Structure formats: C-alpha cells, structure tokens
Amino acid sequence: MALFSLFFSELVIAQQPDPVMTDCGLIQGMFENGLTVYKGVPFAAPPVGELRWKAPQPMKKWEGVRQAVEFAPGPPQGQNFSFGKSEDCLYLNVWSPAKTADDRIPVLVWIHGGGFSAGAASEHMFNGENLAKKGVVLVCIAYRLGQLGFLAHPELSAESPAHVSGNYGLLDMIAALQWIQKNIAAMGGDPNKVTIFGESAGGIAVSMLCASPLAKGLFSGAICQSGGSFGPASVKTASGENMKLLKDAEQTGIAFANNLGAASIAELRKLDADRLTAGMGIGMAWPNIDGYVIPDDQFKLYEAGKYNDVPVLIGYNSDEGASFSRARTPEEYYNAVKNRYEKFADDLIKVYPAGATTVPKTARDLDRDAAFGWHTWSWARLQSRTGKSKVFYYYFDQHPDYPEGSPRYGQGAPHGSEIVYVFQHLNQSNPMMGSSQRTPSDQVISDAMSTYWTNFAKYGNPNGEGVPEWPAFSEANPKVMYFNQTPYVGPVPSADALEVLDKYFEWRRTPEGQGVTE
C-alpha cells in the first residue's frame, strides 16, 4: 500500500504543469480537461487582525513551490460553500488554454455579484473552462463582502493615508487587477488585453472601476451584466440610488458599531467575523462616494468625460423586476411608486402600468429600469457622447414560454439568468430560471453570447465569424442586440418610459429632489 501511495503521488506530480514564477514565488497548478488551472492563488495578504478594514497589502513572498490545486474559502457571509468561508479570502482562480508563457492570450476577469454581501469566486456557475476553451485566459477574483468589505467609519477614515473608508472590496478588485498585470503573462495571458466582466453587484463594480482613477490602465475593456452605478448619492437609499457620500456612510458605520456594542474600531477588530455578518443582506453594505476610489457621482463624471475610456459591452435582462418587485396587488404597487417617486409617480404609473387586479411585467419593469435599465441606457448615451471607445448594448430575453395559468405566466428573463448562458453551463440547474428545461434555442443563445463575450475580450468588439453583426450603439443609432431564441438587433426597450424615468433622476439631483430646503 505504501508503494502504491508513493507511485500515485508521483503520478499526480507528473501530471502537473511546471511551476510558474509570480512576484511572490513559485506556484504549481494542474492540468484539467486540456487547460492549465490554478486555484486559490493569493493576490494580497490575508486581511485579518490589524489588516481588517485596511486597503489590501502585498502578499509576503514564500519559499519553495506553492500548490494551487484547491479553491480557497469564500468570504464570510450568510451562505455556506463546500470550500468553506474565511476572512482570509483574497484569492483568485485561473483557467488558461496557453501552451507556453509566450502565447499572450487575451484575459477575461470575472467579478461575481451578490449585492456586495454574498457570493464567491469559486461558485460552480463561474467555472471558466468553457470560456477558456474559446481562446481566453479566464480569471475569477474574490473580494471582501458586507461590512468586512464596505464598512465606513470616522475612525477608519482617520487612520487611512487617503482619509477615506468603506471601499475595501473595490480596492481588493484593484489589487487583483494589479496582480494580473504583474503575473498573468507567466500563465500565458496578455496583460495588455484584460477585460473585466461582472453581473449585478459585479457589474456595478465594473462600472465603478471604469470611473475610478485608481483602476486606470489595469484593463482595456469592460462587460457589465445587469449593473451600472449612475444614480445620485442619497442619505435614504433605494434600488438604483444605493450610493452615499462618505460622510453619510460613516454615520451608518457608527450605528453599526453601536448595535454591536463596540465603542471603537479596536473593539470591532476583536470580534469574530461571524458577528460582523449577522443579519447582513443586500443593501446593508455598499461602496460610497469617497473622492478617492470613487471620485464623484458617476453620472457627472461621465458627463464631464472623466472616466477610463475603454470599449464596453453592457446590458440587462427583460424581467429583472420579477426578482426584486415586492408589490403583490395594484394598490401596493401604486403606494410604493408614490412613496418613492413623489411628483413623478403619476407619470411613471402611466408608462409602467399595473393591471386591474395584477402587477404584470409592465409594472415590474419600473423596478427593472430603476435598478438596471436606466443605468445601462445612461451609460450607453453618456459614453457614446463623451468618449472615443465603442459601446455595445444588449437585452437578454431568453426564457421558457410559461403556459397560461402557470404562476410564472407572462414572466421574462429574471435577474442572473444569463450567467449560465455566458459561461456555457446549460447543463447546470439555474435557480434564477425556476426550470431546468432546455430548448435548442438555449444552446443557440449560449453559443452566441459566449462567442460575443470572448470576441470582445480579443478584439474590443464582439463581432466575428459565425454570429450576427452587432452594431455599436450611438444616440443617432440607438441599436440593441436582443437575445431571444436567436440574436437580433432591435430598439432600446421601453425607450419612452426611460425618458420619464430620466426626468426623475435629473430631478433627484436638484436641491428639491434631495429634500434640501432654503
């Protein structure tokens, strides 16, 4: 048995690729289905102890060869993972089709969603194998979540060299992109062709990185799936208006500490990470406008042309509202609209109408557009107006045809349902869809989206052989690629309704809209 174990260990080592040198030492991955895969690669020092709520610090160098064959734990949060959870969570995973370090293959970097409070880089849906086989190096990065990633507090701002706090999760992403610039060439990637992509909070983060001067030069393209962050800052946040100014986020941090009975940051640092995630949920922890990582209201930055001008591919799903709408009756819907949108409520109800006794998709689309649609549309308009790089706009509407009488009758594609199409994991069950049923058109859409996404990483343009031509968006030619049974080009969805919503967001930036009185 001992001889067999020795033989097996030597066989596994023989099947591994040669170690590659990173800036901190040698790492050794594994061969997996024709790719070289590196799992659990550290890109920053563990953010624990005194490094909790500090910008990510450089990883210490190690001796010998570090094995990179197992996923690292996910960040602390409410849900569990087979690979565990730990505050020591700043790791990334790489799937590379390269045969040599000289191949210089374009890189796609995935930033997962989860409301900045949940998720992990190693979730099964994010396995990069299928995309890597289409000619990209696929990297999935982790970042700190919830209050561990986004707690703002006056004490933390005071101890920071930049005099800011709260955007640690975004700084983690930037640190991961810096690591990629230094090290991805050793794995066959091209540091000059790095495209970031993400969904939901990951897509929102992509838009923030596009506006952050700290991320300048770290990527050459960006893909945003159901994201964007173009709403105004507000003390009282709402979907699509999630941002606070640093001073207001600090007050939220003080309240958080008080609720835990902590009189200081030193006391908070002594608490177990699990104490800090108790009751944590979507919206309870969020990036803030600190003047450093995020310089200003992103809409204003784009109006002034102050952003990282790279090609973008951006879009959202047809029935995002099915995942976020809470109203169950027309009365609940009308009251919610009037409470939030005030003087614009009646105009919005006209363009996002409810039924006589139901809250159909036409009404749910207000939630869709307030959170995602208006942000994508604004991004597309502003960048095509003030930038030089191209904008490609999409609308994902692939979904089962639910029969009349079904609880899901009339529903479109809910939030997150496009992920398995992009990653080509149609064989995996997708809880977002409520069905594991697949049709031939699902494969058509998955093949097209994965081709467009990888083409974009390679060329800064999704077009290429075997897929329909995708025109760039402009205000003069506002064309959108629809994904529904087959890819086809159409107009901006709900354009008239978006115009009304645009007036609301414009008003929200005025003193009256901010509730400021003379």
Protein backbone atom coordinates (compact mmCIF):
# COMPACT_ATOMS: atom_id res chain seq x y z
CA MET A 1 0.00 0.00 0.00
CA ALA A 2 2.85 2.39 0.85
CA LEU A 3 4.47 1.69 -2.53
CA PHE A 4 1.13 2.30 -4.30
CA SER A 5 0.62 5.61 -2.45
CA LEU A 6 4.12 6.73 -3.40
CA PHE A 7 3.52 5.75 -7.04
CA PHE A 8 0.17 7.60 -7.08
CA SER A 9 1.71 10.78 -5.60
CA GLU A 10 4.49 10.72 -8.18
CA LEU A 11 1.90 10.20 -10.94
CA VAL A 12 -0.12 13.24 -9.80
CA ILE A 13 3.02 15.39 -9.70
CA ALA A 14 4.00 14.18 -13.17
CA GLN A 15 0.57 15.25 -14.43
CA GLN A 16 1.01 18.75 -13.12
CA PRO A 17 2.43 21.58 -15.25
CA ASP A 18 5.81 23.02 -14.41
CA PRO A 19 5.69 25.67 -11.66
CA VAL A 20 5.46 29.28 -12.79
CA MET A 21 7.06 32.25 -11.08
CA THR A 22 4.87 35.00 -9.65
CA ASP A 23 6.06 38.14 -7.90
CA CYS A 24 5.78 36.30 -4.54
CA GLY A 25 7.14 32.89 -5.50
CA LEU A 26 6.55 29.73 -7.49
CA ILE A 27 3.06 28.27 -7.86
CA GLN A 28 2.04 24.99 -9.43
CA GLY A 29 -1.39 24.37 -10.89
CA MET A 30 -2.94 21.31 -12.51
CA PHE A 31 -3.93 20.04 -15.93
CA GLU A 32 -7.70 19.81 -16.24
CA ASN A 33 -9.59 18.95 -19.45
CA GLY A 34 -6.94 20.36 -21.75
CA LEU A 35 -6.36 23.52 -19.73
CA THR A 36 -3.88 24.62 -17.09
CA VAL A 37 -5.83 25.57 -13.98
CA TYR A 38 -4.62 27.46 -10.93
CA LYS A 39 -6.94 27.51 -7.92
CA GLY A 40 -6.65 29.51 -4.73
CA VAL A 41 -3.83 31.83 -5.82
CA PRO A 42 -3.27 34.64 -3.26
CA PHE A 43 -3.12 38.16 -4.68
CA ALA A 44 -2.87 40.09 -1.39
CA ALA A 45 -2.06 39.49 2.27
CA PRO A 46 -4.86 37.99 4.38
CA PRO A 47 -6.99 40.97 5.55
CA VAL A 48 -7.19 39.76 9.16
CA GLY A 49 -6.32 41.15 12.57
CA GLU A 50 -4.98 44.69 12.24
CA LEU A 51 -5.43 44.44 8.44
CA ARG A 52 -9.21 44.16 8.82
CA TRP A 53 -10.64 47.33 7.24
CA LYS A 54 -7.39 48.36 5.64
CA ALA A 55 -6.53 48.60 1.95
CA PRO A 56 -5.17 45.26 0.68
CA GLN A 57 -1.48 44.80 1.48
CA PRO A 58 1.16 42.98 -0.59
CA MET A 59 1.44 39.23 -0.12
CA LYS A 60 4.64 38.08 1.62
CA LYS A 61 6.99 36.01 -0.52
CA TRP A 62 7.21 32.28 0.13
CA GLU A 63 9.92 29.67 -0.23
CA GLY A 64 9.61 26.62 -2.44
CA VAL A 65 6.59 25.80 -4.64
CA ARG A 66 3.07 26.69 -3.53
CA GLN A 67 0.40 24.26 -4.73
CA ALA A 68 -2.58 25.95 -6.44
CA VAL A 69 -4.88 22.97 -6.90
CA GLU A 70 -7.76 23.66 -4.48
CA PHE A 71 -10.25 26.50 -4.22
CA ALA A 72 -9.75 28.91 -1.35
CA PRO A 73 -12.57 29.64 1.11
CA GLY A 74 -15.17 32.23 0.22
CA PRO A 75 -15.57 35.49 2.18
CA PRO A 76 -17.64 35.45 5.41
CA GLN A 77 -21.37 35.76 4.67
CA GLY A 78 -24.70 34.15 5.38
CA GLN A 79 -24.44 31.24 2.93
CA ASN A 80 -22.11 28.25 3.11
CA PHE A 81 -19.80 26.73 0.49
CA SER A 82 -18.27 23.30 0.12
CA PHE A 83 -14.86 25.00 0.07
CA GLY A 84 -15.62 26.88 3.29
CA LYS A 85 -15.60 30.52 4.40
CA SER A 86 -12.79 32.57 5.89
CA GLU A 87 -11.80 36.18 6.45
CA ASP A 88 -8.58 35.09 4.73
CA CYS A 89 -10.27 35.22 1.33
CA LEU A 90 -8.21 37.26 -1.15
CA TYR A 91 -7.53 34.60 -3.76
CA LEU A 92 -8.21 34.11 -7.46
CA ASN A 93 -8.64 31.21 -9.88
CA VAL A 94 -7.23 30.91 -13.41
CA TRP A 95 -8.17 28.72 -16.40
CA SER A 96 -5.59 29.04 -19.17
CA PRO A 97 -5.53 27.42 -22.63
CA ALA A 98 -1.94 28.60 -23.18
CA LYS A 99 0.72 26.07 -24.08
CA THR A 100 3.61 28.40 -23.29
CA ALA A 101 4.16 31.64 -21.40
CA ASP A 102 4.76 33.34 -24.76
CA ASP A 103 1.22 32.75 -26.05
CA ARG A 104 -0.12 36.13 -24.81
CA ILE A 105 -3.79 35.17 -24.80
CA PRO A 106 -6.48 37.82 -24.01
CA VAL A 107 -7.74 37.76 -20.42
CA LEU A 108 -11.32 37.85 -19.09
CA VAL A 109 -11.62 38.73 -15.39
CA TRP A 110 -14.90 37.79 -13.66
CA ILE A 111 -16.29 39.78 -10.71
CA HIS A 112 -19.18 37.94 -9.08
CA GLY A 113 -22.42 39.53 -7.87
CA GLY A 114 -24.40 39.14 -4.67
CA GLY A 115 -25.33 42.65 -3.55
CA PHE A 116 -21.78 43.22 -2.25
CA SER A 117 -22.81 40.92 0.60
CA ALA A 118 -22.75 37.39 -0.83
CA GLY A 119 -21.07 35.13 -3.39
CA ALA A 120 -17.65 33.64 -4.06
CA ALA A 121 -15.18 33.41 -6.94
CA SER A 122 -15.32 29.61 -6.81
CA GLU A 123 -19.07 29.03 -7.24
CA HIS A 124 -19.74 26.23 -9.72
CA MET A 125 -21.52 28.56 -12.16
CA PHE A 126 -18.27 30.51 -12.58
CA ASN A 127 -16.11 27.59 -13.67
CA GLY A 128 -14.13 29.16 -16.50
CA GLU A 129 -13.38 26.01 -18.50
CA ASN A 130 -15.78 26.55 -21.40
CA LEU A 131 -14.88 30.20 -21.95
CA ALA A 132 -11.16 29.42 -21.74
CA LYS A 133 -11.59 26.81 -24.46
CA LYS A 134 -12.83 29.63 -26.72
CA GLY A 135 -9.41 31.28 -26.56
CA VAL A 136 -9.20 33.43 -23.42
CA VAL A 137 -7.49 33.15 -20.06
CA LEU A 138 -10.38 33.23 -17.58
CA VAL A 139 -9.72 34.65 -14.11
CA CYS A 140 -12.25 34.76 -11.24
CA ILE A 141 -11.36 37.13 -8.42
CA ALA A 142 -12.58 37.37 -4.82
CA TYR A 143 -13.18 40.47 -2.73
CA ARG A 144 -14.31 41.31 0.79
CA LEU A 145 -18.07 41.46 1.27
CA GLY A 146 -20.61 43.09 3.54
CA GLN A 147 -19.38 45.13 6.47
CA LEU A 148 -15.97 43.48 6.20
CA GLY A 149 -15.65 44.90 2.71
CA PHE A 150 -17.58 48.16 2.89
CA LEU A 151 -17.74 49.50 6.46
CA ALA A 152 -17.16 53.26 6.56
CA HIS A 153 -16.40 54.87 9.92
CA PRO A 154 -14.72 58.13 11.01
CA GLU A 155 -12.01 56.22 12.90
CA LEU A 156 -11.20 54.17 9.80
CA SER A 157 -11.06 57.31 7.66
CA ALA A 158 -8.75 58.95 10.19
CA GLU A 159 -6.27 56.07 10.13
CA SER A 160 -6.27 55.82 6.32
CA PRO A 161 -3.45 57.59 4.40
CA ALA A 162 -6.13 58.70 1.92
CA HIS A 163 -8.51 59.74 4.78
CA VAL A 164 -11.30 57.53 3.43
CA SER A 165 -13.00 54.29 4.41
CA GLY A 166 -15.55 51.79 3.21
CA ASN A 167 -14.44 50.79 -0.29
CA TYR A 168 -12.18 47.90 0.72
CA GLY A 169 -13.93 45.43 -1.58
CA LEU A 170 -13.29 47.69 -4.59
CA LEU A 171 -9.65 48.11 -3.51
CA ASP A 172 -9.42 44.29 -3.42
CA MET A 173 -10.57 44.17 -7.05
CA ILE A 174 -7.98 46.78 -7.99
CA ALA A 175 -5.28 44.79 -6.16
CA ALA A 176 -6.31 41.65 -8.07
CA LEU A 177 -6.07 43.55 -11.38
CA GLN A 178 -2.62 44.82 -10.38
CA TRP A 179 -1.59 41.23 -9.63
CA ILE A 180 -2.85 40.21 -13.07
CA GLN A 181 -0.78 42.94 -14.71
CA LYS A 182 2.35 41.60 -12.99
CA ASN A 183 1.76 37.87 -13.23
CA ILE A 184 -0.72 36.73 -15.86
CA ALA A 185 1.96 36.61 -18.59
CA ALA A 186 3.58 33.71 -16.73
CA MET A 187 0.32 31.79 -17.30
CA GLY A 188 0.17 32.67 -21.00
CA GLY A 189 -2.09 35.71 -20.63
CA ASP A 190 -1.67 39.13 -22.22
CA PRO A 191 -1.63 41.91 -19.60
CA ASN A 192 -2.31 44.42 -22.37
CA LYS A 193 -5.62 42.73 -23.23
CA VAL A 194 -7.53 42.45 -19.96
CA THR A 195 -11.32 42.73 -20.00
CA ILE A 196 -13.26 42.90 -16.74
CA PHE A 197 -16.78 41.50 -16.60
CA GLY A 198 -19.34 41.03 -13.87
CA GLU A 199 -23.02 40.65 -13.07
CA SER A 200 -25.29 42.52 -10.62
CA ALA A 201 -23.02 43.88 -7.85
CA GLY A 202 -20.15 42.61 -10.01
CA GLY A 203 -21.50 44.63 -12.93
CA ILE A 204 -21.96 47.66 -10.70
CA ALA A 205 -18.34 47.20 -9.60
CA VAL A 206 -17.28 47.06 -13.26
CA SER A 207 -18.90 50.45 -13.86
CA MET A 208 -17.23 51.85 -10.72
CA LEU A 209 -13.84 50.60 -11.88
CA CYS A 210 -14.49 52.27 -15.23
CA ALA A 211 -14.91 55.55 -13.32
CA SER A 212 -12.08 55.10 -10.82
CA PRO A 213 -8.72 56.77 -11.46
CA LEU A 214 -7.11 54.06 -9.31
CA ALA A 215 -8.03 51.47 -11.95
CA LYS A 216 -6.71 53.43 -14.92
CA GLY A 217 -4.58 51.26 -17.22
CA LEU A 218 -5.47 47.99 -15.48
CA PHE A 219 -7.94 46.84 -18.17
CA SER A 220 -8.66 47.53 -21.81
CA GLY A 221 -12.35 46.59 -21.97
CA ALA A 222 -15.39 46.11 -19.72
CA ILE A 223 -18.55 43.99 -19.80
CA CYS A 224 -21.41 44.81 -17.43
CA GLN A 225 -24.30 42.37 -16.98
CA SER A 226 -27.22 43.94 -15.08
CA GLY A 227 -25.19 46.63 -13.37
CA GLY A 228 -24.14 50.26 -13.66
CA SER A 229 -23.99 52.93 -10.96
CA PHE A 230 -25.31 56.18 -12.38
CA GLY A 231 -27.83 57.15 -9.70
CA PRO A 232 -27.33 60.15 -7.39
CA ALA A 233 -26.00 59.91 -3.86
CA SER A 234 -28.67 59.82 -1.19
CA VAL A 235 -28.93 59.51 2.58
CA LYS A 236 -32.10 57.44 2.13
CA THR A 237 -31.08 54.86 -0.44
CA ALA A 238 -33.28 52.92 -2.84
CA SER A 239 -32.79 50.46 -5.67
CA GLY A 240 -30.70 52.25 -8.28
CA GLU A 241 -29.91 55.01 -5.79
CA ASN A 242 -27.66 52.99 -3.50
CA MET A 243 -24.75 55.39 -3.17
CA LYS A 244 -23.99 57.52 -0.12
CA LEU A 245 -21.40 60.21 0.34
CA LEU A 246 -18.56 59.15 2.64
CA LYS A 247 -19.77 61.36 5.49
CA ASP A 248 -23.20 59.69 5.40
CA ALA A 249 -21.73 56.21 5.07
CA GLU A 250 -19.59 56.93 8.14
CA GLN A 251 -22.73 57.66 10.16
CA THR A 252 -24.16 54.32 9.07
CA GLY A 253 -20.90 52.73 10.26
CA ILE A 254 -21.20 54.38 13.67
CA ALA A 255 -24.72 52.96 14.03
CA PHE A 256 -23.46 49.51 13.01
CA ALA A 257 -20.72 49.60 15.67
CA ASN A 258 -23.16 50.82 18.31
CA ASN A 259 -25.54 47.97 17.54
CA LEU A 260 -22.71 45.55 18.26
CA GLY A 261 -21.80 47.33 21.49
CA ALA A 262 -18.38 48.31 20.14
CA ALA A 263 -17.10 51.69 21.31
CA SER A 264 -14.16 51.75 18.90
CA ILE A 265 -12.69 50.20 15.78
CA ALA A 266 -10.19 48.42 18.02
CA GLU A 267 -13.11 46.64 19.70
CA LEU A 268 -14.69 45.83 16.33
CA ARG A 269 -11.42 44.27 15.17
CA LYS A 270 -11.52 41.89 18.12
CA LEU A 271 -14.93 40.49 17.18
CA ASP A 272 -15.26 37.23 15.28
CA ALA A 273 -16.02 37.74 11.60
CA ASP A 274 -19.29 35.84 12.06
CA ARG A 275 -20.52 38.55 14.42
CA LEU A 276 -19.99 41.11 11.68
CA THR A 277 -22.04 39.23 9.10
CA ALA A 278 -25.05 38.55 11.33
CA GLY A 279 -28.16 39.95 9.69
CA MET A 280 -26.17 41.12 6.72
CA GLY A 281 -28.11 41.32 3.50
CA ILE A 282 -28.33 43.02 0.15
CA GLY A 283 -28.10 46.79 0.50
CA MET A 284 -26.74 46.80 4.05
CA ALA A 285 -23.17 47.27 2.84
CA TRP A 286 -22.32 49.22 -0.30
CA PRO A 287 -19.49 51.29 -1.82
CA ASN A 288 -19.56 55.03 -1.18
CA ILE A 289 -18.50 58.21 -2.96
CA ASP A 290 -15.26 58.89 -1.11
CA GLY A 291 -13.49 61.22 -3.54
CA TYR A 292 -10.67 58.71 -3.84
CA VAL A 293 -11.73 55.30 -5.13
CA ILE A 294 -14.99 56.79 -6.43
CA PRO A 295 -14.30 60.48 -7.09
CA ASP A 296 -17.88 61.74 -7.55
CA ASP A 297 -21.40 60.99 -8.74
CA GLN A 298 -20.68 58.71 -11.71
CA PHE A 299 -23.28 60.34 -13.94
CA LYS A 300 -21.48 63.67 -13.52
CA LEU A 301 -18.09 62.06 -14.14
CA TYR A 302 -19.31 60.63 -17.44
CA GLU A 303 -20.94 63.92 -18.44
CA ALA A 304 -17.53 65.54 -17.99
CA GLY A 305 -15.65 62.73 -19.77
CA LYS A 306 -13.77 61.84 -16.57
CA TYR A 307 -13.60 58.04 -16.75
CA ASN A 308 -11.49 55.21 -18.12
CA ASP A 309 -12.47 55.34 -21.78
CA VAL A 310 -12.43 51.70 -22.90
CA PRO A 311 -14.83 49.72 -25.11
CA VAL A 312 -17.84 48.45 -23.16
CA LEU A 313 -20.45 45.74 -23.69
CA ILE A 314 -23.40 46.40 -21.37
CA GLY A 315 -26.96 45.19 -20.88
CA TYR A 316 -29.61 43.67 -18.65
CA ASN A 317 -32.41 41.11 -18.54
CA SER A 318 -36.01 41.52 -19.62
CA ASP A 319 -37.71 40.74 -16.29
CA GLU A 320 -35.27 41.86 -13.60
CA GLY A 321 -38.35 43.10 -11.76
CA ALA A 322 -39.50 39.52 -11.21
CA SER A 323 -36.56 39.13 -8.81
CA PHE A 324 -36.98 42.42 -6.94
CA SER A 325 -40.59 43.62 -7.12
CA ARG A 326 -42.39 43.27 -3.80
CA ALA A 327 -45.86 44.58 -4.66
CA ARG A 328 -48.48 41.83 -4.97
CA THR A 329 -51.53 43.99 -5.69
CA PRO A 330 -52.05 47.12 -7.80
CA GLU A 331 -52.68 49.09 -4.60
CA GLU A 332 -49.33 48.02 -3.14
CA TYR A 333 -47.65 48.96 -6.40
CA TYR A 334 -49.27 52.41 -6.61
CA ASN A 335 -48.43 53.20 -2.98
CA ALA A 336 -44.80 52.12 -3.43
CA VAL A 337 -44.42 54.24 -6.56
CA LYS A 338 -45.96 57.31 -4.92
CA ASN A 339 -43.84 56.90 -1.82
CA ARG A 340 -40.58 56.72 -3.75
CA TYR A 341 -41.10 58.78 -6.88
CA GLU A 342 -43.22 61.59 -5.40
CA LYS A 343 -44.11 64.19 -8.04
CA PHE A 344 -43.15 61.78 -10.85
CA ALA A 345 -45.33 58.93 -9.60
CA ASP A 346 -48.35 59.56 -11.84
CA ASP A 347 -46.25 59.91 -14.99
CA LEU A 348 -44.34 56.72 -14.18
CA ILE A 349 -47.50 54.75 -13.46
CA LYS A 350 -48.76 55.74 -16.92
CA VAL A 351 -45.70 54.32 -18.67
CA TYR A 352 -45.29 51.38 -16.26
CA PRO A 353 -48.96 50.42 -15.75
CA ALA A 354 -50.39 47.76 -13.46
CA GLY A 355 -53.35 45.57 -14.38
CA ALA A 356 -56.84 45.82 -12.99
CA THR A 357 -56.13 43.15 -10.37
CA THR A 358 -52.50 42.16 -11.01
CA VAL A 359 -48.94 43.55 -11.06
CA PRO A 360 -47.80 42.35 -14.50
CA LYS A 361 -44.44 42.73 -16.22
CA THR A 362 -45.36 46.22 -17.44
CA ALA A 363 -45.37 47.38 -13.80
CA ARG A 364 -42.40 45.24 -12.72
CA ASP A 365 -40.34 46.88 -15.43
CA LEU A 366 -40.17 50.04 -13.33
CA ASP A 367 -38.06 48.13 -10.80
CA ARG A 368 -36.02 46.67 -13.67
CA ASP A 369 -35.28 50.04 -15.18
CA ALA A 370 -34.72 51.95 -11.93
CA ALA A 371 -32.10 49.39 -10.89
CA PHE A 372 -30.55 48.38 -14.23
CA GLY A 373 -32.21 49.57 -17.44
CA TRP A 374 -31.85 53.32 -16.86
CA HIS A 375 -28.23 52.88 -15.72
CA THR A 376 -27.31 50.90 -18.83
CA TRP A 377 -29.11 53.36 -21.10
CA SER A 378 -27.45 56.32 -19.37
CA TRP A 379 -24.02 54.69 -19.59
CA ALA A 380 -24.51 53.98 -23.29
CA ARG A 381 -25.68 57.52 -24.06
CA LEU A 382 -23.04 59.29 -21.98
CA GLN A 383 -20.08 57.25 -23.20
CA SER A 384 -21.14 57.42 -26.85
CA ARG A 385 -21.46 61.19 -26.38
CA THR A 386 -18.25 61.97 -24.45
CA GLY A 387 -15.92 59.03 -25.17
CA LYS A 388 -13.96 57.63 -28.07
CA SER A 389 -14.43 53.91 -27.40
CA LYS A 390 -17.35 51.91 -28.74
CA VAL A 391 -20.43 50.88 -26.76
CA PHE A 392 -22.30 47.61 -27.40
CA TYR A 393 -25.73 47.36 -25.75
CA TYR A 394 -27.76 44.14 -25.21
CA TYR A 395 -31.13 42.97 -23.87
CA PHE A 396 -31.38 39.36 -22.63
CA ASP A 397 -34.89 37.93 -23.07
CA GLN A 398 -34.30 34.18 -23.26
CA HIS A 399 -36.76 32.29 -21.05
CA PRO A 400 -39.24 29.39 -21.09
CA ASP A 401 -42.63 30.08 -22.63
CA TYR A 402 -44.71 29.63 -19.48
CA PRO A 403 -48.27 28.44 -20.21
CA GLU A 404 -51.33 30.50 -19.33
CA GLY A 405 -52.43 29.58 -15.82
CA SER A 406 -48.87 28.95 -14.67
CA PRO A 407 -47.65 31.01 -11.68
CA ARG A 408 -44.88 32.27 -13.98
CA TYR A 409 -47.13 33.08 -16.95
CA GLY A 410 -46.01 36.33 -18.58
CA GLN A 411 -42.57 36.32 -16.99
CA GLY A 412 -39.42 37.12 -18.91
CA ALA A 413 -35.76 36.54 -18.05
CA PRO A 414 -35.13 37.25 -14.37
CA HIS A 415 -32.03 38.61 -12.69
CA GLY A 416 -28.92 36.48 -13.10
CA SER A 417 -30.46 34.06 -15.57
CA GLU A 418 -27.97 34.96 -18.32
CA ILE A 419 -24.92 33.75 -16.36
CA VAL A 420 -25.17 30.07 -17.33
CA TYR A 421 -25.53 31.12 -20.98
CA VAL A 422 -22.40 33.25 -20.91
CA PHE A 423 -20.34 30.60 -19.09
CA GLN A 424 -21.90 27.81 -21.21
CA HIS A 425 -23.19 25.84 -18.25
CA LEU A 426 -26.64 24.99 -19.56
CA ASN A 427 -26.29 21.54 -18.01
CA GLN A 428 -26.35 23.15 -14.55
CA SER A 429 -29.62 23.91 -12.84
CA ASN A 430 -30.25 27.62 -12.64
CA PRO A 431 -32.43 28.67 -9.70
CA MET A 432 -32.98 32.04 -11.36
CA MET A 433 -34.96 30.39 -14.15
CA GLY A 434 -37.19 28.23 -11.99
CA SER A 435 -36.78 25.46 -14.55
CA SER A 436 -34.06 23.12 -15.75
CA GLN A 437 -35.91 22.63 -19.03
CA ARG A 438 -33.72 23.45 -22.02
CA THR A 439 -34.61 24.03 -25.68
CA PRO A 440 -32.48 24.11 -28.85
CA SER A 441 -32.65 27.90 -28.80
CA ASP A 442 -30.96 27.91 -25.38
CA GLN A 443 -27.86 26.40 -26.96
CA VAL A 444 -28.04 28.90 -29.82
CA ILE A 445 -28.11 31.80 -27.35
CA SER A 446 -25.36 30.35 -25.17
CA ASP A 447 -23.08 29.76 -28.17
CA ALA A 448 -23.70 33.29 -29.42
CA MET A 449 -23.20 35.05 -26.09
CA SER A 450 -20.02 33.18 -25.21
CA THR A 451 -18.68 33.94 -28.71
CA TYR A 452 -19.57 37.62 -28.47
CA TRP A 453 -18.04 37.89 -24.99
CA THR A 454 -14.77 36.19 -25.95
CA ASN A 455 -14.56 38.11 -29.24
CA PHE A 456 -14.91 41.30 -27.22
CA ALA A 457 -12.02 40.22 -24.97
CA LYS A 458 -9.88 39.51 -28.02
CA TYR A 459 -10.72 42.49 -30.22
CA GLY A 460 -12.59 45.09 -28.16
CA ASN A 461 -15.52 44.28 -30.45
CA PRO A 462 -17.99 41.36 -30.16
CA ASN A 463 -18.27 40.79 -33.90
CA GLY A 464 -16.69 37.92 -35.77
CA GLU A 465 -17.33 34.83 -37.83
CA GLY A 466 -20.47 32.81 -37.12
CA VAL A 467 -22.53 35.42 -35.26
CA PRO A 468 -24.90 38.16 -36.48
CA GLU A 469 -23.43 41.64 -36.83
CA TRP A 470 -23.76 43.66 -33.61
CA PRO A 471 -23.77 47.41 -34.37
CA ALA A 472 -22.19 49.83 -31.92
CA PHE A 473 -24.67 51.99 -30.01
CA SER A 474 -24.90 55.74 -30.52
CA GLU A 475 -27.58 58.31 -29.77
CA ALA A 476 -28.03 58.74 -33.51
CA ASN A 477 -28.26 54.95 -33.99
CA PRO A 478 -29.57 53.52 -30.69
CA LYS A 479 -29.40 49.84 -31.64
CA VAL A 480 -29.51 46.98 -29.13
CA MET A 481 -28.69 43.29 -29.52
CA TYR A 482 -31.61 41.14 -28.34
CA PHE A 483 -31.04 37.59 -27.10
CA ASN A 484 -34.38 35.82 -27.53
CA GLN A 485 -34.47 32.48 -29.38
CA THR A 486 -31.78 33.92 -31.66
CA PRO A 487 -29.64 37.08 -31.57
CA TYR A 488 -31.20 40.00 -33.45
CA VAL A 489 -30.93 43.79 -33.43
CA GLY A 490 -33.76 45.96 -32.11
CA PRO A 491 -34.54 49.32 -30.47
CA VAL A 492 -33.89 50.36 -26.87
CA PRO A 493 -36.53 48.55 -24.75
CA SER A 494 -39.15 50.80 -23.11
CA ALA A 495 -37.47 53.91 -24.52
CA ASP A 496 -40.46 56.20 -23.84
CA ALA A 497 -40.66 55.01 -20.24
CA LEU A 498 -36.92 55.51 -19.79
CA GLU A 499 -37.34 59.14 -20.85
CA VAL A 500 -39.78 59.69 -17.97
CA LEU A 501 -37.50 57.91 -15.53
CA ASP A 502 -34.63 60.05 -16.76
CA LYS A 503 -36.53 63.18 -15.73
CA TYR A 504 -36.98 61.70 -12.26
CA PHE A 505 -33.27 61.03 -11.84
CA GLU A 506 -32.47 64.53 -13.14
CA TRP A 507 -34.83 65.97 -10.52
CA ARG A 508 -33.29 63.82 -7.80
CA ARG A 509 -30.02 65.67 -8.35
CA THR A 510 -31.62 69.06 -7.67
CA PRO A 511 -31.89 70.60 -4.17
CA GLU A 512 -35.65 69.94 -4.24
CA GLY A 513 -35.10 66.32 -5.21
CA GLN A 514 -32.55 65.94 -2.42
CA GLY A 515 -35.01 67.39 0.07
CA VAL A 516 -32.83 70.44 0.68
CA THR A 517 -34.79 73.49 1.83
CA GLU A 518 -33.65 77.10 1.81
